[in-house]
Amino acid sequence: MNFKNLIYFLVSFIFFFQFPTVGFAQHKKNIETEICNKIFNFEFEYTYQMPQGYLASRFGNIHNASFGGIIKTKKNWLYGMDLSYQFGTEVSNETAQNILINISNSTGTISNSTGSPGMVILGERGFNTFIKAGKLLNLSKNSPNSGVTLMIGVGFLSHKINITTPESNVPTLTDELKKGYDRLTMGIAFTQFVGYYFQGKNRMTNFYLGLDIVEGITTNTRGFNYDTRQVDNGSHLDVFIGPKFCWMIPVYLSSRDQDEFIYK
C-alpha cells in the first residue's frame, strides 16, 4: 500500500465532496441552507489491515469487517462503538516454516492418521471492539454535516494463528493440541482514525473513508509454546495500520422541518 497515494486520494475526496462546483444561477430569496443535524448512523465497515513490527513476521495483510453505531451531535461531536472480526489467509514464510516444525516429518509434511500427508491450513483470526469519540471539522457551510474527521478509541483486541485441518484426521493437531501453537493473544487496545466523513443531503449516500491505526498491548494467553518449548507470557505491542471504509445508514434524530434547513 502506497501511503502517498492514499493521502492524495483522501484529499481529492475532501475537495470533491466538501467543495462542489457552483456554476448555476440561484434566486436571492428562499435560498435553502442546511444546518447541522443530530444523526445516529448504523455502520458497516471494512479495513485492510497491514501488521507492523513483530506482527509483520507472523501475519500477512488482514481483512477486518465491522458493525457498529455512531452518533453525530449538532455540534459535530462523534461518539460510537463497533465490533470487528479479523480474518486472513496469509501467514509469513517464517511462521509457515517454523510454527509446526516439531510435528513435521523429514519431507516437511504432517502425517494424518493413515500415515499420509495431512492437510493443514494456516491463517489469521481475530476479534476486537472499541468505544470511540471524535470531532468532525466542517470546511464548508454548504455541507455542515460533512468534513475532515478525527477519532480516537479504546477497547479490546484478540488474534491468533488459525490452524485448520479440513479432514480432521491429524492426531498431532487436535483442537486441544492446536492451543500450543496458535499464539492466542489478547489485551487492551487503542485506535486512531483520520479521514473524511460525508453525510449526504439526500440521506442516501453516507460514508467515511480514511486511515485507521490500531495499537494493542497484549499477552499470549496460552502461556507456553509447543514449537519453541518456552514460556511466553510477556507483553507485546501489536500494531495494525490501513485504509478504512465505512458505509452508514442514518437515522435523523432532529426534525427536517424544524432543524435541517433555514430559509433566507
C-alpha atoms as a PDB file:
ATOM      1  CA  MET A   1       0.000   0.000   0.000  1.00  0.00           C
ATOM      2  CA  ASN A   2       1.433   3.377  -1.062  1.00  0.00           C
ATOM      3  CA  PHE A   3       0.567   5.847   1.709  1.00  0.00           C
ATOM      4  CA  LYS A   4       1.338   8.841  -0.501  1.00  0.00           C
ATOM      5  CA  ASN A   5      -1.349   7.678  -2.933  1.00  0.00           C
ATOM      6  CA  LEU A   6      -3.761   7.093  -0.035  1.00  0.00           C
ATOM      7  CA  ILE A   7      -3.269  10.641   1.282  1.00  0.00           C
ATOM      8  CA  TYR A   8      -3.714  12.041  -2.226  1.00  0.00           C
ATOM      9  CA  PHE A   9      -6.918  10.033  -2.611  1.00  0.00           C
ATOM     10  CA  LEU A  10      -8.310  11.321   0.716  1.00  0.00           C
ATOM     11  CA  VAL A  11      -7.519  14.936  -0.119  1.00  0.00           C
ATOM     12  CA  SER A  12      -9.217  14.520  -3.501  1.00  0.00           C
ATOM     13  CA  PHE A  13     -12.299  13.159  -1.742  1.00  0.00           C
ATOM     14  CA  ILE A  14     -12.426  16.136   0.594  1.00  0.00           C
ATOM     15  CA  PHE A  15     -12.378  18.645  -2.242  1.00  0.00           C
ATOM     16  CA  PHE A  16     -14.827  16.658  -4.358  1.00  0.00           C
ATOM     17  CA  PHE A  17     -17.469  16.261  -1.653  1.00  0.00           C
ATOM     18  CA  GLN A  18     -16.823  19.302   0.524  1.00  0.00           C
ATOM     19  CA  PHE A  19     -16.427  21.956  -2.165  1.00  0.00           C
ATOM     20  CA  PRO A  20     -18.786  21.149  -5.037  1.00  0.00           C
ATOM     21  CA  THR A  21     -18.500  23.371  -8.058  1.00  0.00           C
ATOM     22  CA  VAL A  22     -21.049  26.182  -8.060  1.00  0.00           C
ATOM     23  CA  GLY A  23     -21.948  27.328 -11.540  1.00  0.00           C
ATOM     24  CA  PHE A  24     -25.713  27.621 -11.558  1.00  0.00           C
ATOM     25  CA  ALA A  25     -27.711  30.794 -11.042  1.00  0.00           C
ATOM     26  CA  GLN A  26     -29.596  30.972  -7.749  1.00  0.00           C
ATOM     27  CA  HIS A  27     -32.504  33.120  -6.629  1.00  0.00           C
ATOM     28  CA  LYS A  28     -31.592  35.647  -3.993  1.00  0.00           C
ATOM     29  CA  LYS A  29     -34.659  34.757  -1.972  1.00  0.00           C
ATOM     30  CA  ASN A  30     -35.701  31.440  -0.431  1.00  0.00           C
ATOM     31  CA  ILE A  31     -32.202  30.002  -0.625  1.00  0.00           C
ATOM     32  CA  GLU A  32     -32.153  26.719   1.247  1.00  0.00           C
ATOM     33  CA  THR A  33     -29.254  26.466   3.691  1.00  0.00           C
ATOM     34  CA  GLU A  34     -28.585  23.222   5.515  1.00  0.00           C
ATOM     35  CA  ILE A  35     -27.633  23.257   9.199  1.00  0.00           C
ATOM     36  CA  CYS A  36     -26.125  20.627  11.468  1.00  0.00           C
ATOM     37  CA  ASN A  37     -28.279  17.659  12.418  1.00  0.00           C
ATOM     38  CA  LYS A  38     -28.150  15.195  15.260  1.00  0.00           C
ATOM     39  CA  ILE A  39     -27.814  11.847  13.465  1.00  0.00           C
ATOM     40  CA  PHE A  40     -27.402   8.235  14.534  1.00  0.00           C
ATOM     41  CA  ASN A  41     -25.717   6.031  11.933  1.00  0.00           C
ATOM     42  CA  PHE A  42     -25.566   2.257  11.671  1.00  0.00           C
ATOM     43  CA  GLU A  43     -22.031   1.441  10.491  1.00  0.00           C
ATOM     44  CA  PHE A  44     -20.793  -1.297   8.149  1.00  0.00           C
ATOM     45  CA  GLU A  45     -17.005  -1.064   7.996  1.00  0.00           C
ATOM     46  CA  TYR A  46     -14.138  -2.693   6.137  1.00  0.00           C
ATOM     47  CA  THR A  47     -10.448  -2.178   6.934  1.00  0.00           C
ATOM     48  CA  TYR A  48      -7.483  -3.591   5.042  1.00  0.00           C
ATOM     49  CA  GLN A  49      -5.005  -4.014   7.885  1.00  0.00           C
ATOM     50  CA  MET A  50      -1.244  -4.312   7.499  1.00  0.00           C
ATOM     51  CA  PRO A  51       0.571  -5.702  10.566  1.00  0.00           C
ATOM     52  CA  GLN A  52       3.622  -3.753  11.694  1.00  0.00           C
ATOM     53  CA  GLY A  53       6.675  -4.588  13.784  1.00  0.00           C
ATOM     54  CA  TYR A  54       6.959  -8.117  15.120  1.00  0.00           C
ATOM     55  CA  LEU A  55       3.446  -8.983  13.878  1.00  0.00           C
ATOM     56  CA  ALA A  56       4.654  -8.496  10.309  1.00  0.00           C
ATOM     57  CA  SER A  57       6.914 -11.526  10.872  1.00  0.00           C
ATOM     58  CA  ARG A  58       3.859 -13.586  11.815  1.00  0.00           C
ATOM     59  CA  PHE A  59       0.982 -12.495   9.546  1.00  0.00           C
ATOM     60  CA  GLY A  60       0.388 -11.155   6.089  1.00  0.00           C
ATOM     61  CA  ASN A  61      -2.201  -8.482   5.395  1.00  0.00           C
ATOM     62  CA  ILE A  62      -5.577  -8.931   7.103  1.00  0.00           C
ATOM     63  CA  HIS A  63      -9.218  -8.160   6.385  1.00  0.00           C
ATOM     64  CA  ASN A  64     -11.340  -6.590   9.123  1.00  0.00           C
ATOM     65  CA  ALA A  65     -15.142  -6.448   8.889  1.00  0.00           C
ATOM     66  CA  SER A  66     -17.014  -4.393  11.478  1.00  0.00           C
ATOM     67  CA  PHE A  67     -20.518  -3.463  12.554  1.00  0.00           C
ATOM     68  CA  GLY A  68     -21.362  -0.630  14.901  1.00  0.00           C
ATOM     69  CA  GLY A  69     -23.124   2.603  15.543  1.00  0.00           C
ATOM     70  CA  ILE A  70     -22.080   6.241  15.770  1.00  0.00           C
ATOM     71  CA  ILE A  71     -23.968   9.356  16.788  1.00  0.00           C
ATOM     72  CA  LYS A  72     -23.149  12.808  15.418  1.00  0.00           C
ATOM     73  CA  THR A  73     -24.313  15.725  17.541  1.00  0.00           C
ATOM     74  CA  LYS A  74     -25.446  19.102  16.252  1.00  0.00           C
ATOM     75  CA  LYS A  75     -22.038  20.438  17.271  1.00  0.00           C
ATOM     76  CA  ASN A  76     -20.348  17.733  15.178  1.00  0.00           C
ATOM     77  CA  TRP A  77     -19.011  15.630  18.036  1.00  0.00           C
ATOM     78  CA  LEU A  78     -18.919  11.906  17.295  1.00  0.00           C
ATOM     79  CA  TYR A  79     -19.490   9.022  19.745  1.00  0.00           C
ATOM     80  CA  GLY A  80     -19.637   5.385  18.747  1.00  0.00           C
ATOM     81  CA  MET A  81     -18.889   1.725  19.285  1.00  0.00           C
ATOM     82  CA  ASP A  82     -18.064  -1.143  16.947  1.00  0.00           C
ATOM     83  CA  LEU A  83     -17.393  -4.889  16.908  1.00  0.00           C
ATOM     84  CA  SER A  84     -14.894  -6.325  14.421  1.00  0.00           C
ATOM     85  CA  TYR A  85     -13.929  -9.699  13.043  1.00  0.00           C
ATOM     86  CA  GLN A  86     -10.436 -10.165  11.607  1.00  0.00           C
ATOM     87  CA  PHE A  87      -9.641 -12.827   9.063  1.00  0.00           C
ATOM     88  CA  GLY A  88      -6.724 -13.542   6.794  1.00  0.00           C
ATOM     89  CA  THR A  89      -5.266 -16.372   4.750  1.00  0.00           C
ATOM     90  CA  GLU A  90      -1.688 -15.107   4.788  1.00  0.00           C
ATOM     91  CA  VAL A  91       0.989 -16.009   7.298  1.00  0.00           C
ATOM     92  CA  SER A  92       4.650 -15.133   6.922  1.00  0.00           C
ATOM     93  CA  ASN A  93       7.134 -17.621   5.493  1.00  0.00           C
ATOM     94  CA  GLU A  94       8.835 -17.669   8.895  1.00  0.00           C
ATOM     95  CA  THR A  95       5.601 -18.691  10.590  1.00  0.00           C
ATOM     96  CA  ALA A  96       4.707 -21.264   7.957  1.00  0.00           C
ATOM     97  CA  GLN A  97       8.144 -22.889   8.132  1.00  0.00           C
ATOM     98  CA  ASN A  98       8.697 -22.893  11.895  1.00  0.00           C
ATOM     99  CA  ILE A  99       5.396 -22.982  13.788  1.00  0.00           C
ATOM    100  CA  LEU A 100       4.760 -26.722  13.208  1.00  0.00           C
ATOM    101  CA  ILE A 101       8.319 -27.878  12.644  1.00  0.00           C
ATOM    102  CA  ASN A 102       8.306 -30.150  15.730  1.00  0.00           C
ATOM    103  CA  ILE A 103       5.497 -32.302  14.331  1.00  0.00           C
ATOM    104  CA  SER A 104       6.635 -32.287  10.694  1.00  0.00           C
ATOM    105  CA  ASN A 105       8.457 -35.212   9.113  1.00  0.00           C
ATOM    106  CA  SER A 106      11.633 -35.134   7.031  1.00  0.00           C
ATOM    107  CA  THR A 107       9.700 -34.057   3.936  1.00  0.00           C
ATOM    108  CA  GLY A 108       8.157 -31.099   5.760  1.00  0.00           C
ATOM    109  CA  THR A 109       4.641 -32.543   5.902  1.00  0.00           C
ATOM    110  CA  ILE A 110       2.478 -33.572   8.859  1.00  0.00           C
ATOM    111  CA  SER A 111       1.122 -37.097   8.821  1.00  0.00           C
ATOM    112  CA  ASN A 112      -2.555 -37.879   9.226  1.00  0.00           C
ATOM    113  CA  SER A 113      -3.980 -40.938  10.997  1.00  0.00           C
ATOM    114  CA  THR A 114      -3.227 -43.179   7.994  1.00  0.00           C
ATOM    115  CA  GLY A 115       0.388 -42.059   7.682  1.00  0.00           C
ATOM    116  CA  SER A 116      -0.239 -39.982   4.564  1.00  0.00           C
ATOM    117  CA  PRO A 117       0.484 -36.246   4.377  1.00  0.00           C
ATOM    118  CA  GLY A 118      -2.301 -34.400   6.176  1.00  0.00           C
ATOM    119  CA  MET A 119      -3.829 -31.146   5.005  1.00  0.00           C
ATOM    120  CA  VAL A 120      -3.023 -28.211   7.330  1.00  0.00           C
ATOM    121  CA  ILE A 121      -4.016 -24.627   6.524  1.00  0.00           C
ATOM    122  CA  LEU A 122      -2.652 -21.626   8.416  1.00  0.00           C
ATOM    123  CA  GLY A 123      -4.283 -18.214   8.582  1.00  0.00           C
ATOM    124  CA  GLU A 124      -5.306 -15.472  11.000  1.00  0.00           C
ATOM    125  CA  ARG A 125      -8.453 -14.892  13.020  1.00  0.00           C
ATOM    126  CA  GLY A 126      -9.202 -12.148  15.483  1.00  0.00           C
ATOM    127  CA  PHE A 127     -11.781 -10.069  17.268  1.00  0.00           C
ATOM    128  CA  ASN A 128     -11.776  -6.501  18.528  1.00  0.00           C
ATOM    129  CA  THR A 129     -14.200  -3.963  19.916  1.00  0.00           C
ATOM    130  CA  PHE A 130     -13.798  -0.247  20.515  1.00  0.00           C
ATOM    131  CA  ILE A 131     -15.579   2.678  22.118  1.00  0.00           C
ATOM    132  CA  LYS A 132     -14.785   5.759  20.021  1.00  0.00           C
ATOM    133  CA  ALA A 133     -15.070   9.540  20.220  1.00  0.00           C
ATOM    134  CA  GLY A 134     -14.088  12.233  17.779  1.00  0.00           C
ATOM    135  CA  LYS A 135     -14.735  15.521  16.085  1.00  0.00           C
ATOM    136  CA  LEU A 136     -15.965  16.410  12.616  1.00  0.00           C
ATOM    137  CA  LEU A 137     -14.164  19.509  11.304  1.00  0.00           C
ATOM    138  CA  ASN A 138     -16.502  21.136   8.821  1.00  0.00           C
ATOM    139  CA  LEU A 139     -14.911  23.071   5.970  1.00  0.00           C
ATOM    140  CA  SER A 140     -17.973  24.374   4.132  1.00  0.00           C
ATOM    141  CA  LYS A 141     -21.273  25.940   5.187  1.00  0.00           C
ATOM    142  CA  ASN A 142     -22.905  24.140   2.272  1.00  0.00           C
ATOM    143  CA  SER A 143     -22.214  20.759   3.914  1.00  0.00           C
ATOM    144  CA  PRO A 144     -22.227  21.263   7.694  1.00  0.00           C
ATOM    145  CA  ASN A 145     -22.767  17.551   8.367  1.00  0.00           C
ATOM    146  CA  SER A 146     -19.607  16.559   6.471  1.00  0.00           C
ATOM    147  CA  GLY A 147     -15.908  17.225   6.855  1.00  0.00           C
ATOM    148  CA  VAL A 148     -12.486  16.057   7.946  1.00  0.00           C
ATOM    149  CA  THR A 149     -12.841  13.680  10.892  1.00  0.00           C
ATOM    150  CA  LEU A 150     -10.521  12.783  13.755  1.00  0.00           C
ATOM    151  CA  MET A 151     -11.419   9.892  16.070  1.00  0.00           C
ATOM    152  CA  ILE A 152      -9.740   8.009  18.902  1.00  0.00           C
ATOM    153  CA  GLY A 153     -10.882   4.933  20.789  1.00  0.00           C
ATOM    154  CA  VAL A 154     -10.103   2.384  23.451  1.00  0.00           C
ATOM    155  CA  GLY A 155     -11.117  -1.258  23.578  1.00  0.00           C
ATOM    156  CA  PHE A 156     -10.103  -4.918  23.388  1.00  0.00           C
ATOM    157  CA  LEU A 157      -8.002  -6.792  20.824  1.00  0.00           C
ATOM    158  CA  SER A 158      -7.605 -10.535  20.273  1.00  0.00           C
ATOM    159  CA  HIS A 159      -5.938 -12.509  17.485  1.00  0.00           C
ATOM    160  CA  LYS A 160      -4.395 -15.910  16.828  1.00  0.00           C
ATOM    161  CA  ILE A 161      -2.811 -18.139  14.212  1.00  0.00           C
ATOM    162  CA  ASN A 162      -5.754 -20.067  12.820  1.00  0.00           C
ATOM    163  CA  ILE A 163      -4.807 -23.732  12.299  1.00  0.00           C
ATOM    164  CA  THR A 164      -7.298 -25.685  10.205  1.00  0.00           C
ATOM    165  CA  THR A 165      -7.259 -29.400   9.417  1.00  0.00           C
ATOM    166  CA  PRO A 166     -10.125 -29.839   6.914  1.00  0.00           C
ATOM    167  CA  GLU A 167     -10.031 -33.639   7.061  1.00  0.00           C
ATOM    168  CA  SER A 168      -9.933 -33.659  10.898  1.00  0.00           C
ATOM    169  CA  ASN A 169      -7.628 -36.665  10.926  1.00  0.00           C
ATOM    170  CA  VAL A 170      -4.301 -35.201  12.055  1.00  0.00           C
ATOM    171  CA  PRO A 171      -3.704 -36.693  15.519  1.00  0.00           C
ATOM    172  CA  THR A 172      -0.910 -34.225  16.381  1.00  0.00           C
ATOM    173  CA  LEU A 173      -3.282 -31.295  15.784  1.00  0.00           C
ATOM    174  CA  THR A 174      -6.417 -31.991  17.763  1.00  0.00           C
ATOM    175  CA  ASP A 175      -8.383 -28.961  18.972  1.00  0.00           C
ATOM    176  CA  GLU A 176      -6.607 -29.165  22.316  1.00  0.00           C
ATOM    177  CA  LEU A 177      -3.100 -29.535  20.844  1.00  0.00           C
ATOM    178  CA  LYS A 178      -3.620 -26.608  18.457  1.00  0.00           C
ATOM    179  CA  LYS A 179      -3.683 -24.326  21.501  1.00  0.00           C
ATOM    180  CA  GLY A 180       0.032 -24.924  21.973  1.00  0.00           C
ATOM    181  CA  TYR A 181       0.763 -23.423  18.553  1.00  0.00           C
ATOM    182  CA  ASP A 182      -1.903 -20.790  17.851  1.00  0.00           C
ATOM    183  CA  ARG A 183      -0.471 -17.872  19.941  1.00  0.00           C
ATOM    184  CA  LEU A 184      -3.909 -16.738  21.125  1.00  0.00           C
ATOM    185  CA  THR A 185      -3.216 -13.141  22.148  1.00  0.00           C
ATOM    186  CA  MET A 186      -5.439 -10.655  23.994  1.00  0.00           C
ATOM    187  CA  GLY A 187      -5.188  -7.252  25.599  1.00  0.00           C
ATOM    188  CA  ILE A 188      -6.202  -3.618  25.792  1.00  0.00           C
ATOM    189  CA  ALA A 189      -6.050  -1.681  22.540  1.00  0.00           C
ATOM    190  CA  PHE A 190      -6.226   1.872  21.222  1.00  0.00           C
ATOM    191  CA  THR A 191      -7.280   3.209  17.851  1.00  0.00           C
ATOM    192  CA  GLN A 192      -6.873   6.432  15.897  1.00  0.00           C
ATOM    193  CA  PHE A 193      -8.598   7.456  12.675  1.00  0.00           C
ATOM    194  CA  VAL A 194      -8.224  10.421  10.342  1.00  0.00           C
ATOM    195  CA  GLY A 195     -10.276  10.782   7.205  1.00  0.00           C
ATOM    196  CA  TYR A 196     -13.311  12.285   5.539  1.00  0.00           C
ATOM    197  CA  TYR A 197     -16.897  11.900   6.799  1.00  0.00           C
ATOM    198  CA  PHE A 198     -19.736  12.501   4.332  1.00  0.00           C
ATOM    199  CA  GLN A 199     -23.403  12.791   5.303  1.00  0.00           C
ATOM    200  CA  GLY A 200     -25.417  13.173   2.098  1.00  0.00           C
ATOM    201  CA  LYS A 201     -28.164  15.785   1.850  1.00  0.00           C
ATOM    202  CA  ASN A 202     -30.360  13.198   0.138  1.00  0.00           C
ATOM    203  CA  ARG A 203     -29.778  10.851   3.118  1.00  0.00           C
ATOM    204  CA  MET A 204     -28.881   8.046   0.695  1.00  0.00           C
ATOM    205  CA  THR A 205     -25.104   8.469   0.431  1.00  0.00           C
ATOM    206  CA  ASN A 206     -23.375   8.377   3.799  1.00  0.00           C
ATOM    207  CA  PHE A 207     -19.855   7.119   4.450  1.00  0.00           C
ATOM    208  CA  TYR A 208     -16.441   7.842   5.850  1.00  0.00           C
ATOM    209  CA  LEU A 209     -13.053   6.920   4.487  1.00  0.00           C
ATOM    210  CA  GLY A 210      -9.577   7.307   5.928  1.00  0.00           C
ATOM    211  CA  LEU A 211      -6.512   5.895   7.612  1.00  0.00           C
ATOM    212  CA  ASP A 212      -7.001   3.663  10.659  1.00  0.00           C
ATOM    213  CA  ILE A 213      -4.329   2.692  13.210  1.00  0.00           C
ATOM    214  CA  VAL A 214      -4.701   0.125  15.998  1.00  0.00           C
ATOM    215  CA  GLU A 215      -2.195  -0.493  18.806  1.00  0.00           C
ATOM    216  CA  GLY A 216      -2.662  -3.332  21.278  1.00  0.00           C
ATOM    217  CA  ILE A 217      -0.781  -4.094  24.485  1.00  0.00           C
ATOM    218  CA  THR A 218      -1.277  -7.845  24.520  1.00  0.00           C
ATOM    219  CA  THR A 219      -0.190 -11.119  26.094  1.00  0.00           C
ATOM    220  CA  ASN A 220      -0.158 -14.696  24.801  1.00  0.00           C
ATOM    221  CA  THR A 221      -2.942 -16.299  26.858  1.00  0.00           C
ATOM    222  CA  ARG A 222      -1.660 -19.844  26.221  1.00  0.00           C
ATOM    223  CA  GLY A 223       1.469 -19.146  28.261  1.00  0.00           C
ATOM    224  CA  PHE A 224       3.582 -21.899  26.690  1.00  0.00           C
ATOM    225  CA  ASN A 225       4.506 -22.521  23.048  1.00  0.00           C
ATOM    226  CA  TYR A 226       4.932 -26.147  21.984  1.00  0.00           C
ATOM    227  CA  ASP A 227       7.148 -25.308  18.994  1.00  0.00           C
ATOM    228  CA  THR A 228       9.723 -23.281  20.949  1.00  0.00           C
ATOM    229  CA  ARG A 229       9.170 -25.217  24.202  1.00  0.00           C
ATOM    230  CA  GLN A 230       9.330 -21.943  26.056  1.00  0.00           C
ATOM    231  CA  VAL A 231       7.098 -19.935  28.360  1.00  0.00           C
ATOM    232  CA  ASP A 232       5.586 -16.947  26.540  1.00  0.00           C
ATOM    233  CA  ASN A 233       3.849 -14.594  28.974  1.00  0.00           C
ATOM    234  CA  GLY A 234       5.484 -11.247  28.173  1.00  0.00           C
ATOM    235  CA  SER A 235       3.657  -8.186  26.861  1.00  0.00           C
ATOM    236  CA  HIS A 236       3.755  -7.262  23.186  1.00  0.00           C
ATOM    237  CA  LEU A 237       2.926  -4.140  21.212  1.00  0.00           C
ATOM    238  CA  ASP A 238       0.665  -5.149  18.323  1.00  0.00           C
ATOM    239  CA  VAL A 239       0.189  -2.561  15.559  1.00  0.00           C
ATOM    240  CA  PHE A 240      -2.131  -2.663  12.551  1.00  0.00           C
ATOM    241  CA  ILE A 241      -2.434   0.162  10.032  1.00  0.00           C
ATOM    242  CA  GLY A 242      -4.514   0.522   6.884  1.00  0.00           C
ATOM    243  CA  PRO A 243      -7.324   2.222   4.968  1.00  0.00           C
ATOM    244  CA  LYS A 244     -10.851   2.021   6.372  1.00  0.00           C
ATOM    245  CA  PHE A 245     -14.151   2.489   4.547  1.00  0.00           C
ATOM    246  CA  CYS A 246     -17.495   2.708   6.334  1.00  0.00           C
ATOM    247  CA  TRP A 247     -20.961   2.807   4.789  1.00  0.00           C
ATOM    248  CA  MET A 248     -23.594   4.359   7.066  1.00  0.00           C
ATOM    249  CA  ILE A 249     -27.377   4.081   7.296  1.00  0.00           C
ATOM    250  CA  PRO A 250     -28.642   7.222   9.056  1.00  0.00           C
ATOM    251  CA  VAL A 251     -31.482   7.798  11.488  1.00  0.00           C
ATOM    252  CA  TYR A 252     -32.100  11.539  11.834  1.00  0.00           C
ATOM    253  CA  LEU A 253     -32.824  12.459  15.434  1.00  0.00           C
ATOM    254  CA  SER A 254     -33.831  16.033  14.627  1.00  0.00           C
ATOM    255  CA  SER A 255     -36.791  17.076  12.501  1.00  0.00           C
ATOM    256  CA  ARG A 256     -36.242  18.038   8.873  1.00  0.00           C
ATOM    257  CA  ASP A 257     -38.899  20.751   9.097  1.00  0.00           C
ATOM    258  CA  GLN A 258     -37.637  22.287  12.307  1.00  0.00           C
ATOM    259  CA  ASP A 259     -33.921  21.700  12.302  1.00  0.00           C
ATOM    260  CA  GLU A 260     -32.475  20.709   8.956  1.00  0.00           C
ATOM    261  CA  PHE A 261     -32.988  23.861   6.925  1.00  0.00           C
ATOM    262  CA  ILE A 262     -33.096  27.584   7.369  1.00  0.00           C
ATOM    263  CA  TYR A 263     -34.779  29.682   4.680  1.00  0.00           C
ATOM    264  CA  LYS A 264     -33.440  33.109   3.875  1.00  0.00           C
END
